[in-house]
Protein backbone atom coordinates (compact mmCIF):
# COMPACT_ATOMS: atom_id res chain seq x y z
CA MET A 1 146.83 131.78 6.54
CA LYS A 2 143.34 131.39 8.21
CA ARG A 3 141.89 133.62 5.35
CA MET A 4 143.72 131.59 2.84
CA ARG A 5 142.26 128.41 4.09
CA THR A 6 138.68 129.65 4.27
CA ILE A 7 138.93 130.89 0.36
CA PHE A 8 140.43 127.24 -0.56
CA TYR A 9 137.61 125.74 1.07
CA MET A 10 134.98 128.00 -0.67
CA ILE A 11 136.70 127.25 -4.06
CA ALA A 12 136.64 123.45 -3.25
CA ILE A 13 132.88 123.74 -2.32
CA LEU A 14 132.07 125.65 -5.58
CA MET A 15 134.15 123.33 -7.97
CA THR A 16 132.48 120.21 -6.13
CA THR A 17 128.83 121.59 -6.87
CA LEU A 18 129.78 122.39 -10.49
CA THR A 19 131.13 118.92 -10.71
CA LEU A 20 128.09 117.28 -9.42
CA THR A 21 125.58 119.52 -11.54
CA GLY A 22 127.77 118.32 -14.50
CA CYS A 23 126.71 114.69 -14.10
CA GLU A 24 123.53 115.38 -16.24
CA SER A 25 124.59 116.33 -19.98
CA LYS A 26 121.51 118.83 -20.27
CA LEU A 27 119.70 121.09 -17.88
CA THR A 28 116.24 120.67 -19.21
CA VAL A 29 115.52 124.45 -18.84
CA PHE A 30 118.40 125.11 -21.16
CA ASP A 31 117.38 122.57 -23.74
CA PRO A 32 113.94 124.05 -25.10
CA GLN A 33 111.85 122.44 -27.68
CA GLY A 34 109.33 125.11 -28.43
CA PRO A 35 109.28 128.62 -29.09
CA VAL A 36 107.70 129.56 -25.70
CA ALA A 37 110.51 127.94 -23.75
CA ARG A 38 113.19 129.37 -26.15
CA ASN A 39 111.99 132.75 -25.25
CA LEU A 40 112.13 132.04 -21.69
CA THR A 41 115.41 130.43 -21.87
CA ASP A 42 116.55 133.54 -23.93
CA LEU A 43 115.59 135.60 -21.00
CA ILE A 44 117.20 133.58 -18.50
CA LEU A 45 120.54 133.38 -20.15
CA PHE A 46 120.34 137.33 -20.69
CA SER A 47 119.52 137.69 -17.10
CA ILE A 48 122.61 135.41 -15.97
CA ILE A 49 125.16 137.15 -18.28
CA PHE A 50 123.93 140.56 -17.47
CA MET A 51 124.09 139.78 -13.65
CA ALA A 52 127.47 137.95 -14.02
CA ILE A 53 128.93 141.04 -15.49
CA ILE A 54 127.68 143.21 -12.76
CA VAL A 55 129.22 141.00 -10.36
CA LEU A 56 132.51 140.76 -12.00
CA VAL A 57 132.73 144.46 -12.26
CA VAL A 58 131.95 144.76 -8.31
CA PHE A 59 134.45 142.25 -7.48
CA VAL A 60 137.20 143.83 -9.79
CA LEU A 61 136.49 147.35 -8.18
CA PHE A 62 136.45 145.72 -4.99
CA GLY A 63 139.98 144.16 -5.60
CA ILE A 64 141.48 147.53 -6.84
CA ILE A 65 140.10 149.71 -4.05
CA VAL A 66 141.20 147.22 -1.40
CA TRP A 67 144.86 147.02 -2.96
CA LYS A 68 145.08 150.64 -3.84
CA TYR A 69 144.21 152.07 -0.43
CA ARG A 70 145.52 149.09 1.64
CA GLU A 71 147.57 150.15 4.65
CA LYS A 72 151.30 150.69 3.87
CA PRO A 73 154.38 151.74 6.15
CA GLU A 74 154.54 155.31 4.13
CA ASN A 75 150.79 155.95 4.88
CA LYS A 76 150.45 154.39 8.46
CA ASP A 77 149.68 157.65 10.13
CA TYR A 78 147.94 159.07 7.16
CA GLU A 79 144.45 160.91 8.22
CA PRO A 80 141.83 161.41 5.59
CA PRO A 81 140.56 164.98 5.32
CA HIS A 82 136.99 165.35 6.20
CA GLU A 83 134.50 165.30 3.58
CA GLU A 84 130.94 166.64 3.57
CA GLY A 85 129.95 164.44 0.72
CA SER A 86 129.81 164.34 -3.12
CA THR A 87 126.41 165.23 -4.81
CA ALA A 88 127.84 163.84 -7.91
CA LEU A 89 128.76 160.33 -6.42
CA GLU A 90 125.53 160.31 -4.43
CA ILE A 91 123.44 160.59 -7.75
CA THR A 92 125.92 158.11 -9.49
CA TRP A 93 125.12 155.22 -6.87
CA PHE A 94 121.54 155.95 -6.95
CA LEU A 95 121.17 155.75 -10.77
CA ILE A 96 123.10 152.57 -11.21
CA PRO A 97 120.90 150.21 -9.36
CA VAL A 98 117.72 151.88 -10.92
CA LEU A 99 119.38 151.32 -14.48
CA ILE A 100 120.19 147.72 -13.64
CA VAL A 101 116.47 147.41 -12.59
CA ILE A 102 115.25 148.88 -15.82
CA ALA A 103 117.72 146.81 -18.11
CA LEU A 104 116.28 143.47 -16.60
CA THR A 105 112.69 144.75 -16.54
CA ILE A 106 112.41 145.69 -20.32
CA PRO A 107 113.00 142.33 -21.52
CA THR A 108 111.35 140.53 -18.90
CA VAL A 109 108.10 142.52 -19.59
CA ILE A 110 108.40 141.79 -23.58
CA THR A 111 108.97 137.89 -22.87
CA ILE A 112 106.34 137.64 -20.56
CA SER A 113 103.92 139.46 -22.83
CA ASP A 114 105.09 137.41 -25.78
CA VAL A 115 104.41 133.84 -24.00
CA GLU A 116 100.81 135.15 -22.82
CA ASP A 117 99.48 134.68 -26.23
CA ILE A 118 99.76 132.12 -29.37
CA PRO A 119 103.66 131.96 -30.29
CA ALA A 120 104.86 134.12 -33.21
CA GLY A 121 104.40 132.35 -36.42
CA TYR A 122 101.38 130.42 -35.48
CA GLU A 123 98.72 133.15 -35.06
CA ASP A 124 96.88 132.00 -38.00
CA GLU A 125 96.31 128.53 -36.62
CA GLU A 126 93.46 127.56 -34.23
CA PRO A 127 94.98 126.30 -30.92
CA LEU A 128 93.97 122.96 -29.52
CA VAL A 129 92.32 123.72 -26.29
CA ILE A 130 92.92 121.42 -23.50
CA HIS A 131 91.41 121.86 -19.89
CA VAL A 132 94.07 121.17 -17.21
CA THR A 133 92.58 120.19 -13.83
CA SER A 134 95.05 119.70 -10.82
CA ALA A 135 93.86 117.44 -7.96
CA ASP A 136 95.67 115.85 -4.96
CA TRP A 137 97.81 114.07 -6.43
CA LYS A 138 97.36 113.95 -10.12
CA TRP A 139 96.67 115.84 -13.39
CA ILE A 140 93.57 115.68 -15.39
CA PHE A 141 93.43 116.44 -18.82
CA SER A 142 90.13 117.34 -20.61
CA TYR A 143 89.67 117.58 -24.67
CA PRO A 144 86.36 119.18 -25.07
CA ASP A 145 86.39 119.04 -28.90
CA GLN A 146 87.44 115.53 -28.86
CA ASP A 147 85.31 114.65 -26.00
CA ILE A 148 88.00 112.42 -24.20
CA GLU A 149 89.70 112.63 -20.91
CA THR A 150 93.24 111.42 -19.61
CA VAL A 151 94.70 111.37 -16.39
CA ASN A 152 98.74 111.91 -15.63
CA TYR A 153 99.46 112.26 -19.36
CA VAL A 154 98.65 114.40 -22.28
CA ASN A 155 99.06 113.81 -26.02
CA ILE A 156 99.38 116.91 -28.12
CA PRO A 157 100.19 117.42 -32.14
CA ALA A 158 103.53 118.52 -32.85
CA ASN A 159 104.21 122.11 -34.42
CA HIS A 160 100.77 123.17 -33.46
CA PRO A 161 99.64 125.66 -30.80
CA ILE A 162 98.31 124.44 -27.83
CA GLU A 163 96.22 126.34 -25.29
CA PHE A 164 95.92 124.86 -21.77
CA LYS A 165 92.96 126.28 -19.79
CA MET A 166 94.06 125.51 -16.09
CA THR A 167 92.40 125.37 -12.70
CA SER A 168 92.33 123.14 -9.67
CA ALA A 169 90.01 120.96 -7.91
CA GLY A 170 91.41 121.63 -4.53
CA THR A 171 94.59 123.36 -3.46
CA MET A 172 96.89 125.66 -5.61
CA GLN A 173 99.33 123.67 -7.67
CA SER A 174 101.93 124.63 -10.12
CA PHE A 175 102.14 123.40 -13.70
CA TRP A 176 105.39 123.11 -15.45
CA VAL A 177 106.67 121.58 -18.50
CA PRO A 178 110.28 123.13 -18.64
CA SER A 179 111.08 121.81 -22.13
CA LEU A 180 108.18 123.47 -23.88
CA ALA A 181 106.82 126.32 -21.60
CA GLY A 182 107.19 128.25 -18.43
CA GLN A 183 105.48 127.67 -14.85
CA LYS A 184 101.77 128.78 -13.95
CA TYR A 185 99.56 128.41 -10.92
CA THR A 186 96.16 126.30 -10.86
CA MET A 187 93.71 127.63 -8.54
CA ALA A 188 90.26 126.66 -7.53
CA ASN A 189 87.51 128.84 -8.85
CA MET A 190 89.89 130.55 -11.24
CA GLN A 191 91.34 129.90 -14.81
CA THR A 192 94.76 130.58 -16.02
CA ASP A 193 95.85 130.03 -19.77
CA LEU A 194 99.15 128.78 -20.88
CA TYR A 195 100.27 128.50 -24.72
CA LEU A 196 102.86 126.20 -25.85
CA VAL A 197 104.04 124.62 -28.95
CA ALA A 198 106.46 121.41 -29.38
CA ASP A 199 108.77 121.98 -32.32
CA ARG A 200 108.93 117.93 -33.22
CA PRO A 201 107.55 114.91 -31.81
CA GLY A 202 108.83 113.84 -28.61
CA GLU A 203 108.14 112.98 -24.93
CA TYR A 204 108.56 115.93 -22.41
CA VAL A 205 108.26 115.48 -18.40
CA GLY A 206 105.72 118.03 -16.65
CA ARG A 207 105.34 118.28 -13.07
CA ASN A 208 104.00 120.06 -9.95
CA THR A 209 106.68 122.45 -8.42
CA SER A 210 104.40 123.67 -5.57
CA PHE A 211 104.53 121.37 -2.39
CA ASN A 212 101.00 120.17 -1.51
CA GLY A 213 101.39 117.24 0.78
CA GLU A 214 102.86 113.44 1.05
CA GLY A 215 102.05 112.76 -2.67
CA TYR A 216 103.72 115.84 -4.04
CA ALA A 217 106.70 114.04 -5.32
CA HIS A 218 104.52 111.64 -7.51
CA MET A 219 102.63 114.48 -9.19
CA ALA A 220 104.21 114.25 -12.28
CA PHE A 221 102.79 113.85 -16.03
CA GLU A 222 104.21 112.98 -19.53
CA VAL A 223 103.59 115.48 -22.55
CA ILE A 224 103.65 113.26 -25.71
CA ALA A 225 104.10 115.34 -28.84
CA GLN A 226 102.82 113.41 -31.86
CA SER A 227 102.57 113.98 -35.67
CA PRO A 228 98.90 115.13 -36.63
CA ASP A 229 98.26 111.81 -38.13
CA ASP A 230 99.32 110.02 -35.08
CA PHE A 231 97.45 112.20 -32.65
CA ASN A 232 94.16 111.64 -34.75
CA GLU A 233 94.79 108.18 -34.87
CA TRP A 234 95.50 108.21 -30.92
CA VAL A 235 92.04 110.02 -30.78
CA ASN A 236 90.26 107.55 -32.63
CA ASP A 237 91.67 104.72 -30.57
CA ILE A 238 90.37 106.26 -27.59
CA LYS A 239 86.76 106.40 -28.83
CA ASN A 240 86.89 102.95 -29.91
CA THR A 241 88.67 101.32 -26.68
CA ALA A 242 88.23 103.68 -23.70
CA ASN A 243 85.71 103.26 -21.07
CA THR A 244 83.31 106.20 -20.58
CA LEU A 245 84.00 108.71 -17.63
CA THR A 246 81.08 108.62 -14.89
CA GLU A 247 80.45 110.83 -12.19
CA ASP A 248 81.37 108.38 -9.69
CA GLU A 249 84.74 107.43 -11.48
CA TYR A 250 85.35 111.17 -11.54
CA ALA A 251 84.63 111.61 -7.83
CA GLU A 252 86.96 108.66 -7.13
CA ILE A 253 89.61 110.35 -9.16
CA LEU A 254 89.23 113.45 -7.13
CA THR A 255 90.05 111.59 -3.86
CA PRO A 256 93.58 112.27 -2.64
CA SER A 257 95.58 109.46 -3.86
CA ILE A 258 98.56 108.62 -6.24
CA ILE A 259 97.35 106.66 -9.17
CA GLY A 260 98.70 105.78 -12.73
CA ARG A 261 97.49 106.83 -16.24
CA LYS A 262 93.91 106.75 -17.00
CA THR A 263 92.13 107.26 -20.41
CA TYR A 264 88.20 107.94 -20.82
CA ASN A 265 85.70 108.82 -23.29
CA GLY A 266 83.86 111.89 -22.30
CA THR A 267 85.09 114.64 -19.93
CA HIS A 268 84.02 115.92 -16.39
CA LEU A 269 83.15 119.29 -18.09
CA GLN A 270 79.88 118.22 -18.81
CA TRP A 271 78.98 118.35 -15.11
CA ILE A 272 81.57 120.09 -13.22
CA ASP A 273 83.68 123.46 -14.01
CA HIS A 274 86.28 123.92 -11.19
CA ALA A 275 87.21 127.20 -12.89
CA HIS A 276 83.95 128.93 -11.71
CA GLY A 277 81.90 129.64 -8.87
CA GLY A 278 78.38 128.24 -7.82
CA SER A 279 78.29 124.98 -5.82
CA GLU A 280 81.54 123.32 -4.76
CA LYS A 281 80.76 120.46 -6.97
CA TYR A 282 78.77 121.89 -9.98
CA ILE A 283 79.06 124.71 -12.18
CA ASN A 284 76.20 126.59 -10.30
CA PRO A 285 72.92 125.58 -8.64
CA GLU A 286 70.64 126.24 -11.54
CA ASP A 287 72.96 123.81 -13.60
CA TYR A 288 72.73 121.12 -10.95
CA GLU A 289 68.97 121.26 -10.52
CA GLU A 290 68.77 120.85 -14.31
CA HIS A 291 70.95 117.82 -14.06
CA LEU A 292 68.58 116.37 -11.19
CA TYR A 293 65.58 117.10 -13.47
CA GLU A 294 67.30 115.05 -16.37
CA GLN A 295 67.92 112.07 -14.02
CA GLY A 296 64.33 112.10 -12.94
CA GLU A 297 65.26 113.17 -9.31
CA LEU A 298 63.17 116.41 -9.49
CA ASP A 299 59.56 116.76 -11.01
CA GLU A 300 60.50 120.40 -12.17
CA VAL A 301 62.89 123.06 -12.50
CA ASP A 302 62.59 126.37 -10.73
CA SER A 303 64.97 128.89 -12.27
CA ASN A 304 64.19 131.20 -9.38
CA LEU A 305 65.02 128.70 -6.79
CA SER A 306 68.51 129.11 -5.26
CA ILE A 307 69.60 125.69 -4.38
CA THR A 308 72.19 125.24 -1.62
CA ASP A 309 74.84 122.65 -1.00
CA THR A 310 72.83 121.66 2.03
CA GLU A 311 69.78 120.88 -0.12
CA VAL A 312 71.89 119.22 -2.85
CA GLU A 313 73.28 116.68 -0.28
CA GLU A 314 69.61 115.93 0.92
CA VAL A 315 68.41 115.40 -2.61
CA GLU A 316 71.18 113.17 -3.16
CA ASP A 317 70.52 111.40 0.18
CA GLU A 318 66.85 110.77 -0.86
CA SER A 319 67.93 109.39 -4.24
CA GLU A 320 70.03 106.80 -2.63
CA GLN A 321 67.35 105.73 -0.08
CA GLU A 322 64.85 105.21 -3.01
CA GLY A 323 67.43 103.55 -4.92
CA ASN A 324 67.75 101.19 -1.93
C-alpha cells in the first residue's frame, strides 16, 4: 500500500509539472525561425525520441523480468544453479551502450559541423559581419562595415546570413538566441564565431545564460530582423541622427551597470579589440602609442619601444594634468 502511494505521488508531481510547463503555448527552442535553429531543434528532437525509446525498452524489460521471476508459492524454495558467467551476455551489455553513444554522436557531430559555417543555401551570399562584445551587464554590437554601434539590441536583414564575431570585455558570458541559433561563449582575449539566418522579419529575444553577478537577470537583448530595405533605412537613420561614440562614453558603457538601449555612429573597434592580446585597453602597445601620437600626446613613435600598462597610465595622467 505504501509503495502504491509513492507511485501515485510521483505521477501527480509529473502531471503537475507537465501542466505548468504547458502554460506557454510554444517553447522557443522548439519554434525555430532560421536554418541554424532548425538543425539544432531536429537534433534535440532526435535525441529525445531516441532516448525515450531506450527508456521505454528498459522499463518494459524491467517489468517483464520482475513479473516473470517474482516469488511464487511453487518456487519459494527454488535455488538457482551456480553460474560462472556468460561471455555472450557480457559482450552484449557492453556493446549496447557503445552503440547508443555512437548513434547519438554521429548526428551531433554532423549538426555541430553544419552550424559552424554559413547555412546551406546561403553559401554564395557575403554574410553581414557584426562584432559582439559582452560586458557586465550589457551586450555591445558593432557594425564595422556600416560604422555604427548599438547596445542591448541588434538589427539584422532577414533572409541573409549573419556572422557574429564574439568576445568579452570582462568575464565569460553566454550568447544565445534560441529562435535563431545555438549558444556560444564569449571570452576575453578570444574570438568565437556564430552564424545565423532569420527566415523572415520579426523580433527575437536573446540573453546571457551564464551567471555573472547581480545584473545577470537583466542581461537580455533583442534581435530585430528587417527586410533589406528597412535595414538599410535604419542604418541611414542612425548615421543622420545618432551621436558619435567617444572613448570616454565607451569606457562608461563598460562600467558594470544595467543600462537600456543605446545607438552610436562609429564603433569602439577603432581603438579597442577585446578579442586580442596586448594592453588590457588597446589592441597592442604600438597601436596605443600611435593613438597618443595622433592626439599630440607623444612627440614621436618608437616602434621598438614596448610600452607597458603602467607607462600608459603615466602618459594619461600627465595629459590630464596638462589639460588642467
